[in-house]
Amino acid sequence: MNTAAALAMLVSFVASPVQPLPKDPFQRTAVRALRGDFGTLQPWQREGYERGLRAGATAHKTIWLTGYYATEGRSGRTDCQGRRCSLRTAAANRVPQGWYVWTEYGIRQVRDTGAHSNDRHADRKGADLWVDYWYPRASACPFGGSTITYGAVIAP
């Protein structure tokens, strides 16, 4: 899908909510998020969803998704650039810094890295890549800290 087609699709969904939603889970969520179905987005979330739609991103990657927490010491409080971790933060080694990752557990921006052994574990689990979503505490993680899921990877 080219940029013009993606923007036209987005405008049609925002302007007319009776349009059927896309079948792809990322695109469906992006359209709904951008039209306000989930409340007000942070600017970085809006950017990630818009870029994903413009690029025609789909949820075709298998991801071993893990959670890391503020209670894990310094590595759970600041990212590899020294920025404070937040619900924006994801860690990954096979996704470049600044790129976005969407899973059924939300959109995040890769701002951290992790042990390369995580990539080997992801390979053994049959996943395309490993991604670590930050949470303030383990009880805030909706998937129990480790799951295989699908997702979209979006260039900035």
N, C-alpha and C. Protein backbone atom coordinates (compact mmCIF):
# COMPACT_ATOMS: atom_id res chain seq x y z
N MET A 1 0.85 -1.17 0.00
CA MET A 1 0.00 0.00 0.00
C MET A 1 0.89 1.23 0.00
N ASN A 2 0.63 2.16 -0.91
CA ASN A 2 1.45 3.38 -0.95
C ASN A 2 0.92 4.41 0.04
N THR A 3 1.68 5.48 0.21
CA THR A 3 1.35 6.51 1.19
C THR A 3 -0.01 7.13 0.91
N ALA A 4 -0.28 7.46 -0.33
CA ALA A 4 -1.56 8.09 -0.67
C ALA A 4 -2.73 7.17 -0.35
N ALA A 5 -2.59 5.90 -0.66
CA ALA A 5 -3.66 4.95 -0.39
C ALA A 5 -3.89 4.78 1.11
N ALA A 6 -2.81 4.73 1.88
CA ALA A 6 -2.93 4.59 3.33
C ALA A 6 -3.60 5.81 3.93
N LEU A 7 -3.22 7.01 3.48
CA LEU A 7 -3.83 8.22 4.00
C LEU A 7 -5.30 8.30 3.60
N ALA A 8 -5.61 7.91 2.40
CA ALA A 8 -7.01 7.92 1.95
C ALA A 8 -7.84 6.95 2.80
N MET A 9 -7.26 5.78 3.11
CA MET A 9 -7.96 4.82 3.95
C MET A 9 -8.21 5.42 5.33
N LEU A 10 -7.19 6.06 5.90
CA LEU A 10 -7.32 6.66 7.22
C LEU A 10 -8.40 7.74 7.22
N VAL A 11 -8.37 8.63 6.22
CA VAL A 11 -9.36 9.70 6.15
C VAL A 11 -10.76 9.12 6.01
N SER A 12 -10.92 8.07 5.24
CA SER A 12 -12.25 7.49 5.07
C SER A 12 -12.77 6.91 6.38
N PHE A 13 -11.90 6.35 7.19
CA PHE A 13 -12.34 5.79 8.46
C PHE A 13 -12.66 6.87 9.47
N VAL A 14 -11.85 7.93 9.49
CA VAL A 14 -12.09 9.02 10.44
C VAL A 14 -13.34 9.78 10.05
N ALA A 15 -13.53 10.01 8.76
CA ALA A 15 -14.66 10.81 8.30
C ALA A 15 -15.98 10.02 8.35
N SER A 16 -15.92 8.71 8.21
CA SER A 16 -17.14 7.91 8.15
C SER A 16 -16.96 6.64 8.97
N PRO A 17 -17.43 6.65 10.22
CA PRO A 17 -17.23 5.49 11.08
C PRO A 17 -18.01 4.25 10.66
N VAL A 18 -18.87 4.35 9.64
CA VAL A 18 -19.61 3.18 9.19
C VAL A 18 -18.78 2.31 8.23
N GLN A 19 -17.61 2.78 7.82
CA GLN A 19 -16.74 1.99 6.96
C GLN A 19 -16.29 0.74 7.72
N PRO A 20 -16.19 -0.39 7.04
CA PRO A 20 -15.68 -1.59 7.72
C PRO A 20 -14.20 -1.38 8.07
N LEU A 21 -13.81 -1.89 9.22
CA LEU A 21 -12.42 -1.77 9.66
C LEU A 21 -11.54 -2.77 8.90
N PRO A 22 -10.25 -2.46 8.77
CA PRO A 22 -9.34 -3.41 8.11
C PRO A 22 -9.32 -4.74 8.87
N LYS A 23 -9.00 -5.80 8.17
CA LYS A 23 -8.91 -7.13 8.78
C LYS A 23 -7.63 -7.30 9.61
N ASP A 24 -6.54 -6.67 9.18
CA ASP A 24 -5.28 -6.82 9.90
C ASP A 24 -5.41 -6.20 11.29
N PRO A 25 -4.99 -6.92 12.33
CA PRO A 25 -5.13 -6.40 13.70
C PRO A 25 -4.40 -5.08 13.95
N PHE A 26 -3.19 -4.90 13.41
CA PHE A 26 -2.50 -3.62 13.61
C PHE A 26 -3.27 -2.51 12.93
N GLN A 27 -3.63 -2.68 11.66
CA GLN A 27 -4.30 -1.62 10.92
C GLN A 27 -5.66 -1.29 11.54
N ARG A 28 -6.38 -2.32 11.99
CA ARG A 28 -7.67 -2.10 12.64
C ARG A 28 -7.49 -1.26 13.92
N THR A 29 -6.50 -1.65 14.73
CA THR A 29 -6.25 -0.91 15.98
C THR A 29 -5.79 0.51 15.69
N ALA A 30 -4.93 0.68 14.68
CA ALA A 30 -4.42 2.02 14.34
C ALA A 30 -5.56 2.93 13.92
N VAL A 31 -6.44 2.46 13.07
CA VAL A 31 -7.57 3.27 12.62
C VAL A 31 -8.43 3.66 13.82
N ARG A 32 -8.73 2.70 14.67
CA ARG A 32 -9.56 2.99 15.85
C ARG A 32 -8.87 3.97 16.80
N ALA A 33 -7.57 3.77 17.01
CA ALA A 33 -6.83 4.66 17.91
C ALA A 33 -6.80 6.08 17.36
N LEU A 34 -6.56 6.22 16.08
CA LEU A 34 -6.46 7.55 15.48
C LEU A 34 -7.80 8.27 15.41
N ARG A 35 -8.88 7.53 15.39
CA ARG A 35 -10.19 8.22 15.40
C ARG A 35 -10.68 8.46 16.83
N GLY A 36 -9.90 8.04 17.84
CA GLY A 36 -10.21 8.37 19.22
C GLY A 36 -10.94 7.32 20.02
N ASP A 37 -11.07 6.12 19.47
CA ASP A 37 -11.82 5.06 20.18
C ASP A 37 -11.22 4.69 21.53
N PHE A 38 -9.93 4.92 21.72
CA PHE A 38 -9.26 4.53 22.97
C PHE A 38 -8.86 5.74 23.80
N GLY A 39 -9.42 6.90 23.51
CA GLY A 39 -9.08 8.11 24.23
C GLY A 39 -7.96 8.87 23.54
N THR A 40 -7.41 9.83 24.25
CA THR A 40 -6.36 10.69 23.70
C THR A 40 -5.04 9.95 23.63
N LEU A 41 -4.39 10.03 22.48
CA LEU A 41 -3.08 9.40 22.29
C LEU A 41 -1.97 10.36 22.67
N GLN A 42 -0.88 9.81 23.13
CA GLN A 42 0.34 10.59 23.30
C GLN A 42 0.87 10.90 21.89
N PRO A 43 1.59 12.01 21.70
CA PRO A 43 2.11 12.34 20.36
C PRO A 43 2.93 11.20 19.75
N TRP A 44 3.76 10.52 20.53
CA TRP A 44 4.57 9.42 19.98
C TRP A 44 3.70 8.25 19.54
N GLN A 45 2.57 8.00 20.23
CA GLN A 45 1.66 6.93 19.82
C GLN A 45 1.01 7.28 18.49
N ARG A 46 0.53 8.53 18.40
CA ARG A 46 -0.09 8.99 17.16
C ARG A 46 0.89 8.85 16.00
N GLU A 47 2.14 9.26 16.22
CA GLU A 47 3.15 9.15 15.17
C GLU A 47 3.36 7.70 14.76
N GLY A 48 3.45 6.80 15.71
CA GLY A 48 3.66 5.39 15.40
C GLY A 48 2.52 4.80 14.59
N TYR A 49 1.30 5.07 15.00
CA TYR A 49 0.14 4.56 14.26
C TYR A 49 0.06 5.17 12.87
N GLU A 50 0.27 6.49 12.76
CA GLU A 50 0.22 7.13 11.45
C GLU A 50 1.29 6.59 10.52
N ARG A 51 2.51 6.46 11.02
CA ARG A 51 3.60 5.93 10.19
C ARG A 51 3.31 4.50 9.76
N GLY A 52 2.78 3.71 10.67
CA GLY A 52 2.44 2.33 10.34
C GLY A 52 1.40 2.23 9.25
N LEU A 53 0.36 3.04 9.33
CA LEU A 53 -0.66 3.02 8.28
C LEU A 53 -0.10 3.50 6.96
N ARG A 54 0.69 4.59 6.99
CA ARG A 54 1.28 5.10 5.74
C ARG A 54 2.16 4.05 5.08
N ALA A 55 2.87 3.27 5.89
CA ALA A 55 3.79 2.26 5.35
C ALA A 55 3.09 0.96 5.00
N GLY A 56 1.81 0.83 5.34
CA GLY A 56 1.09 -0.42 5.09
C GLY A 56 1.53 -1.54 6.01
N ALA A 57 2.01 -1.21 7.21
CA ALA A 57 2.48 -2.22 8.16
C ALA A 57 1.35 -3.17 8.53
N THR A 58 1.72 -4.42 8.73
CA THR A 58 0.77 -5.45 9.17
C THR A 58 1.37 -6.24 10.32
N ALA A 59 0.51 -6.89 11.05
CA ALA A 59 0.92 -7.71 12.20
C ALA A 59 1.32 -9.09 11.71
N HIS A 60 2.49 -9.17 11.07
CA HIS A 60 2.93 -10.44 10.49
C HIS A 60 4.16 -11.03 11.17
N LYS A 61 4.72 -10.35 12.15
CA LYS A 61 5.90 -10.85 12.87
C LYS A 61 5.46 -11.66 14.08
N THR A 62 6.13 -12.78 14.29
CA THR A 62 5.94 -13.55 15.52
C THR A 62 6.95 -13.03 16.53
N ILE A 63 6.45 -12.64 17.69
CA ILE A 63 7.28 -11.97 18.69
C ILE A 63 7.23 -12.73 20.00
N TRP A 64 8.43 -12.99 20.55
CA TRP A 64 8.48 -13.45 21.94
C TRP A 64 8.50 -12.17 22.77
N LEU A 65 7.38 -11.88 23.41
CA LEU A 65 7.21 -10.65 24.18
C LEU A 65 7.43 -10.94 25.65
N THR A 66 8.31 -10.16 26.26
CA THR A 66 8.55 -10.27 27.69
C THR A 66 8.32 -8.91 28.33
N GLY A 67 8.24 -8.92 29.65
CA GLY A 67 8.06 -7.67 30.38
C GLY A 67 9.24 -7.43 31.29
N TYR A 68 9.63 -6.17 31.43
CA TYR A 68 10.61 -5.80 32.45
C TYR A 68 10.07 -4.63 33.24
N TYR A 69 10.60 -4.49 34.47
CA TYR A 69 9.92 -3.67 35.45
C TYR A 69 10.86 -2.72 36.17
N ALA A 70 10.28 -1.64 36.70
CA ALA A 70 11.05 -0.64 37.45
C ALA A 70 11.71 -1.26 38.67
N THR A 71 11.21 -2.37 39.13
CA THR A 71 11.75 -3.03 40.33
C THR A 71 13.02 -3.83 40.04
N GLU A 72 13.48 -3.84 38.79
CA GLU A 72 14.66 -4.62 38.41
C GLU A 72 15.97 -3.84 38.55
N GLY A 73 15.98 -2.82 39.35
CA GLY A 73 17.21 -2.04 39.53
C GLY A 73 17.37 -1.00 38.45
N ARG A 74 18.60 -0.55 38.25
CA ARG A 74 18.85 0.53 37.29
C ARG A 74 18.36 0.20 35.89
N SER A 75 18.55 -1.04 35.44
CA SER A 75 18.13 -1.41 34.08
C SER A 75 16.62 -1.37 33.93
N GLY A 76 15.89 -1.40 35.02
CA GLY A 76 14.44 -1.28 34.97
C GLY A 76 13.94 0.14 35.15
N ARG A 77 14.86 1.06 35.35
CA ARG A 77 14.47 2.46 35.55
C ARG A 77 14.93 3.38 34.42
N THR A 78 16.07 3.08 33.80
CA THR A 78 16.58 3.91 32.71
C THR A 78 16.93 3.03 31.51
N ASP A 79 16.77 3.61 30.32
CA ASP A 79 17.10 2.85 29.11
C ASP A 79 18.59 2.98 28.79
N CYS A 80 19.00 2.42 27.68
CA CYS A 80 20.42 2.39 27.33
C CYS A 80 20.99 3.78 26.99
N GLN A 81 20.13 4.77 26.83
CA GLN A 81 20.57 6.14 26.59
C GLN A 81 20.49 7.00 27.84
N GLY A 82 20.11 6.39 28.97
CA GLY A 82 20.00 7.11 30.22
C GLY A 82 18.66 7.81 30.42
N ARG A 83 17.69 7.58 29.53
CA ARG A 83 16.36 8.18 29.67
C ARG A 83 15.53 7.34 30.65
N ARG A 84 14.66 7.98 31.37
CA ARG A 84 13.78 7.27 32.29
C ARG A 84 12.83 6.38 31.50
N CYS A 85 12.68 5.13 31.91
CA CYS A 85 11.74 4.22 31.25
C CYS A 85 10.30 4.66 31.52
N SER A 86 9.43 4.40 30.55
CA SER A 86 8.01 4.74 30.67
C SER A 86 7.22 3.74 29.83
N LEU A 87 5.92 3.92 29.79
CA LEU A 87 5.09 3.04 28.98
C LEU A 87 5.33 3.24 27.48
N ARG A 88 6.21 4.13 27.12
CA ARG A 88 6.67 4.28 25.74
C ARG A 88 7.78 3.27 25.44
N THR A 89 8.48 2.80 26.46
CA THR A 89 9.74 2.06 26.32
C THR A 89 9.55 0.58 25.96
N ALA A 90 10.28 0.16 24.95
CA ALA A 90 10.45 -1.26 24.63
C ALA A 90 11.94 -1.49 24.42
N ALA A 91 12.36 -2.70 24.71
CA ALA A 91 13.74 -3.11 24.43
C ALA A 91 13.70 -4.17 23.34
N ALA A 92 14.68 -4.13 22.46
CA ALA A 92 14.82 -5.14 21.41
C ALA A 92 16.23 -5.03 20.85
N ASN A 93 16.71 -6.11 20.31
CA ASN A 93 18.03 -6.11 19.68
C ASN A 93 17.94 -6.17 18.15
N ARG A 94 16.89 -6.77 17.63
CA ARG A 94 16.74 -6.93 16.18
C ARG A 94 15.86 -5.86 15.55
N VAL A 95 15.39 -4.93 16.34
CA VAL A 95 14.60 -3.80 15.85
C VAL A 95 15.41 -2.55 16.18
N PRO A 96 15.68 -1.70 15.20
CA PRO A 96 16.51 -0.51 15.45
C PRO A 96 15.90 0.44 16.47
N GLN A 97 16.76 1.13 17.18
CA GLN A 97 16.33 2.16 18.12
C GLN A 97 15.46 3.19 17.39
N GLY A 98 14.38 3.61 18.04
CA GLY A 98 13.49 4.60 17.47
C GLY A 98 12.33 4.02 16.68
N TRP A 99 12.42 2.75 16.29
CA TRP A 99 11.32 2.11 15.57
C TRP A 99 10.20 1.79 16.54
N TYR A 100 9.01 1.55 16.01
CA TYR A 100 7.85 1.22 16.81
C TYR A 100 7.54 -0.27 16.69
N VAL A 101 6.99 -0.82 17.77
CA VAL A 101 6.51 -2.20 17.76
C VAL A 101 5.09 -2.17 18.29
N TRP A 102 4.18 -2.80 17.56
CA TRP A 102 2.80 -2.93 18.01
C TRP A 102 2.52 -4.40 18.24
N THR A 103 1.90 -4.71 19.37
CA THR A 103 1.34 -6.04 19.63
C THR A 103 -0.06 -5.82 20.19
N GLU A 104 -0.75 -6.88 20.44
CA GLU A 104 -2.08 -6.75 21.03
C GLU A 104 -2.02 -6.09 22.41
N TYR A 105 -0.82 -5.92 22.96
CA TYR A 105 -0.65 -5.27 24.26
C TYR A 105 -0.26 -3.80 24.13
N GLY A 106 -0.38 -3.26 22.93
CA GLY A 106 -0.15 -1.83 22.72
C GLY A 106 1.03 -1.53 21.83
N ILE A 107 1.19 -0.24 21.57
CA ILE A 107 2.30 0.23 20.75
C ILE A 107 3.38 0.78 21.67
N ARG A 108 4.62 0.50 21.33
CA ARG A 108 5.78 0.99 22.08
C ARG A 108 6.84 1.44 21.09
N GLN A 109 7.81 2.18 21.61
CA GLN A 109 8.94 2.60 20.79
C GLN A 109 10.20 1.97 21.35
N VAL A 110 11.02 1.40 20.47
CA VAL A 110 12.26 0.76 20.91
C VAL A 110 13.23 1.85 21.33
N ARG A 111 13.54 1.86 22.63
CA ARG A 111 14.43 2.85 23.22
C ARG A 111 15.48 2.18 24.10
N ASP A 112 15.52 0.84 24.08
CA ASP A 112 16.43 0.10 24.95
C ASP A 112 16.84 -1.19 24.25
N THR A 113 17.85 -1.82 24.79
CA THR A 113 18.34 -3.10 24.28
C THR A 113 18.36 -4.10 25.43
N GLY A 114 18.69 -5.32 25.11
CA GLY A 114 18.77 -6.35 26.15
C GLY A 114 19.86 -7.34 25.83
N ALA A 115 19.94 -8.37 26.65
CA ALA A 115 20.94 -9.42 26.45
C ALA A 115 20.69 -10.12 25.12
N HIS A 116 21.76 -10.40 24.40
CA HIS A 116 21.62 -11.09 23.11
C HIS A 116 21.12 -12.51 23.27
N SER A 117 21.23 -13.06 24.46
CA SER A 117 20.69 -14.40 24.70
C SER A 117 19.17 -14.40 24.52
N ASN A 118 18.52 -13.25 24.69
CA ASN A 118 17.07 -13.17 24.45
C ASN A 118 16.73 -13.48 23.00
N ASP A 119 17.59 -13.07 22.08
CA ASP A 119 17.36 -13.36 20.66
C ASP A 119 17.46 -14.86 20.39
N ARG A 120 18.43 -15.50 21.02
CA ARG A 120 18.57 -16.96 20.86
C ARG A 120 17.36 -17.69 21.45
N HIS A 121 16.87 -17.21 22.60
CA HIS A 121 15.66 -17.81 23.19
C HIS A 121 14.47 -17.63 22.25
N ALA A 122 14.35 -16.45 21.65
CA ALA A 122 13.26 -16.20 20.70
C ALA A 122 13.35 -17.16 19.52
N ASP A 123 14.57 -17.37 19.01
CA ASP A 123 14.76 -18.31 17.90
C ASP A 123 14.28 -19.71 18.28
N ARG A 124 14.68 -20.18 19.46
CA ARG A 124 14.29 -21.52 19.91
C ARG A 124 12.78 -21.64 20.09
N LYS A 125 12.13 -20.53 20.39
CA LYS A 125 10.67 -20.53 20.57
C LYS A 125 9.94 -20.39 19.24
N GLY A 126 10.68 -20.23 18.14
CA GLY A 126 10.07 -20.09 16.83
C GLY A 126 9.62 -18.67 16.50
N ALA A 127 10.09 -17.69 17.27
CA ALA A 127 9.70 -16.29 17.04
C ALA A 127 10.68 -15.61 16.10
N ASP A 128 10.20 -14.59 15.40
CA ASP A 128 11.07 -13.79 14.53
C ASP A 128 11.99 -12.90 15.34
N LEU A 129 11.50 -12.44 16.49
CA LEU A 129 12.30 -11.53 17.31
C LEU A 129 11.79 -11.50 18.74
N TRP A 130 12.65 -10.95 19.59
CA TRP A 130 12.33 -10.74 21.01
C TRP A 130 12.11 -9.25 21.23
N VAL A 131 11.06 -8.93 22.00
CA VAL A 131 10.78 -7.56 22.40
C VAL A 131 10.39 -7.59 23.88
N ASP A 132 10.85 -6.60 24.61
CA ASP A 132 10.62 -6.47 26.04
C ASP A 132 9.86 -5.17 26.30
N TYR A 133 8.62 -5.25 26.79
CA TYR A 133 7.83 -4.06 27.13
C TYR A 133 8.07 -3.70 28.59
N TRP A 134 8.29 -2.42 28.87
CA TRP A 134 8.50 -1.95 30.23
C TRP A 134 7.17 -1.71 30.93
N TYR A 135 7.13 -2.07 32.21
CA TYR A 135 5.98 -1.80 33.08
C TYR A 135 6.50 -1.31 34.42
N PRO A 136 5.73 -0.51 35.15
CA PRO A 136 6.20 -0.01 36.44
C PRO A 136 6.36 -1.11 37.49
N ARG A 137 5.62 -2.20 37.34
CA ARG A 137 5.72 -3.33 38.28
C ARG A 137 5.16 -4.58 37.57
N ALA A 138 5.53 -5.73 38.06
CA ALA A 138 5.12 -6.99 37.43
C ALA A 138 3.59 -7.14 37.37
N SER A 139 2.89 -6.67 38.38
CA SER A 139 1.43 -6.81 38.40
C SER A 139 0.74 -5.97 37.31
N ALA A 140 1.45 -5.01 36.73
CA ALA A 140 0.89 -4.19 35.65
C ALA A 140 1.02 -4.85 34.28
N CYS A 141 1.79 -5.91 34.19
CA CYS A 141 2.02 -6.60 32.92
C CYS A 141 0.83 -7.51 32.61
N PRO A 142 0.09 -7.26 31.52
CA PRO A 142 -1.14 -8.01 31.25
C PRO A 142 -0.93 -9.42 30.72
N PHE A 143 0.30 -9.80 30.39
CA PHE A 143 0.52 -11.12 29.80
C PHE A 143 1.39 -12.02 30.66
N GLY A 144 1.58 -11.67 31.91
CA GLY A 144 2.30 -12.56 32.83
C GLY A 144 3.81 -12.56 32.65
N GLY A 145 4.36 -11.65 31.87
CA GLY A 145 5.81 -11.52 31.75
C GLY A 145 6.45 -12.20 30.57
N SER A 146 5.75 -13.13 29.91
CA SER A 146 6.33 -13.84 28.76
C SER A 146 5.21 -14.48 27.95
N THR A 147 5.20 -14.19 26.64
CA THR A 147 4.21 -14.78 25.76
C THR A 147 4.69 -14.74 24.31
N ILE A 148 4.18 -15.62 23.51
CA ILE A 148 4.39 -15.56 22.07
C ILE A 148 3.16 -14.87 21.48
N THR A 149 3.39 -13.84 20.68
CA THR A 149 2.29 -13.09 20.09
C THR A 149 2.67 -12.67 18.68
N TYR A 150 1.84 -11.93 18.04
CA TYR A 150 2.11 -11.40 16.71
C TYR A 150 2.20 -9.89 16.82
N GLY A 151 2.84 -9.25 15.86
CA GLY A 151 2.96 -7.81 15.93
C GLY A 151 3.44 -7.19 14.64
N ALA A 152 3.46 -5.87 14.65
CA ALA A 152 3.94 -5.08 13.52
C ALA A 152 5.19 -4.32 13.97
N VAL A 153 6.14 -4.18 13.06
CA VAL A 153 7.35 -3.39 13.29
C VAL A 153 7.30 -2.23 12.31
N ILE A 154 7.47 -1.01 12.85
CA ILE A 154 7.21 0.20 12.08
C ILE A 154 8.42 1.12 12.12
N ALA A 155 8.92 1.51 10.96
CA ALA A 155 10.06 2.44 10.88
C ALA A 155 9.60 3.83 11.27
N PRO A 156 10.51 4.60 11.91
CA PRO A 156 10.14 5.98 12.29
C PRO A 156 10.06 6.90 11.08
